Protein backbone atom coordinates (compact mmCIF):
# COMPACT_ATOMS: atom_id res chain seq x y z
CA MET A 1 0.00 0.00 0.00
CA LYS A 2 1.27 3.47 -0.84
CA CYS A 3 1.11 6.55 1.39
CA TRP A 4 -1.63 8.97 0.40
CA HIS A 5 0.68 11.95 1.04
CA CYS A 6 4.11 11.02 -0.37
CA ASN A 7 3.46 7.77 -2.29
CA SER A 8 6.04 5.78 -0.27
CA GLU A 9 5.36 2.31 1.13
CA VAL A 10 3.42 2.10 4.39
CA ILE A 11 4.38 -0.27 7.20
CA TRP A 12 1.75 -2.41 8.92
CA GLY A 13 1.84 -1.92 12.68
CA GLY A 14 -0.82 -4.39 13.79
CA ASP A 15 -4.51 -5.26 14.01
CA PHE A 16 -6.80 -4.74 16.98
CA ASP A 17 -10.41 -5.60 17.81
CA TYR A 18 -12.91 -2.76 18.01
CA GLU A 19 -13.22 -3.68 21.70
CA ASP A 20 -9.62 -2.49 22.21
CA TYR A 21 -10.74 0.94 20.94
CA GLY A 22 -13.91 1.03 23.06
CA ILE A 23 -16.20 0.49 20.07
CA ASP A 24 -19.27 -1.60 20.92
CA ARG A 25 -19.61 -3.75 17.78
CA GLU A 26 -17.57 -6.29 15.81
CA GLY A 27 -14.66 -5.03 13.75
CA ILE A 28 -10.94 -4.70 13.22
CA VAL A 29 -8.70 -1.62 13.43
CA SER A 30 -5.42 -1.86 11.49
CA ASN A 31 -2.70 0.72 12.00
CA LEU A 32 -0.08 1.62 9.44
CA SER A 33 2.63 4.27 9.20
CA CYS A 34 4.53 5.73 6.29
CA SER A 35 8.13 4.63 5.80
CA ARG A 36 9.09 8.16 4.72
CA CYS A 37 6.83 10.93 6.04
CA LYS A 38 5.02 11.11 9.40
CA ALA A 39 1.62 9.96 8.12
CA TYR A 40 -0.21 7.46 10.36
CA TYR A 41 -3.26 5.52 9.23
CA GLU A 42 -5.99 3.72 11.14
CA CYS A 43 -8.21 1.57 8.94
CA TYR A 44 -11.56 0.54 10.42
CA LEU A 45 -13.29 -2.58 9.15
CA ASP A 46 -16.83 -3.19 10.44
CA LEU A 47 -17.89 -6.84 10.61
CA GLU A 48 -21.42 -8.09 10.96
CA GLU A 49 -22.23 -11.62 12.03
CA GLU A 50 -24.70 -13.44 9.79
CA SER A 51 -27.28 -15.89 11.12
CA ASN A 52 -25.03 -18.83 10.08
CA GLY A 53 -22.18 -17.50 12.30
CA GLU A 54 -20.01 -16.21 9.44
CA LYS A 55 -18.75 -12.63 9.51
CA GLU A 56 -19.51 -10.29 6.65
CA ILE A 57 -17.65 -7.07 5.87
CA ILE A 58 -20.15 -4.23 5.94
CA THR A 59 -17.97 -1.09 5.74
CA ALA A 60 -14.34 -0.06 5.57
CA SER A 61 -12.73 3.34 6.14
CA ASP A 62 -9.40 4.87 7.03
CA LYS A 63 -8.14 7.96 8.81
CA SER A 64 -4.72 9.55 8.82
CA GLU A 65 -3.13 11.89 11.32
CA GLU A 66 -2.87 14.50 8.55
CA SER A 67 -6.61 14.38 7.84
CA LYS A 68 -7.43 14.51 11.57
CA LYS A 69 -5.42 17.75 11.88
CA SER A 70 -7.16 19.38 8.94
CA GLY A 71 -10.68 18.26 9.71
């Protein structure tokens, strides 16, 4: 994956459950950082459990430190 700001490679830092972030539903938060500039990304992936017990992806989004500062 390339950095939105400088187009360098981003480095995966880890995955966490929504529970670790105090979010009261199923999902995964992945964090990544740029190998060149100071951009930091958190990607949120909502998961919904179907009646058969399988998890379905319902939304995905990401946030960067740069966009948090400007918005």
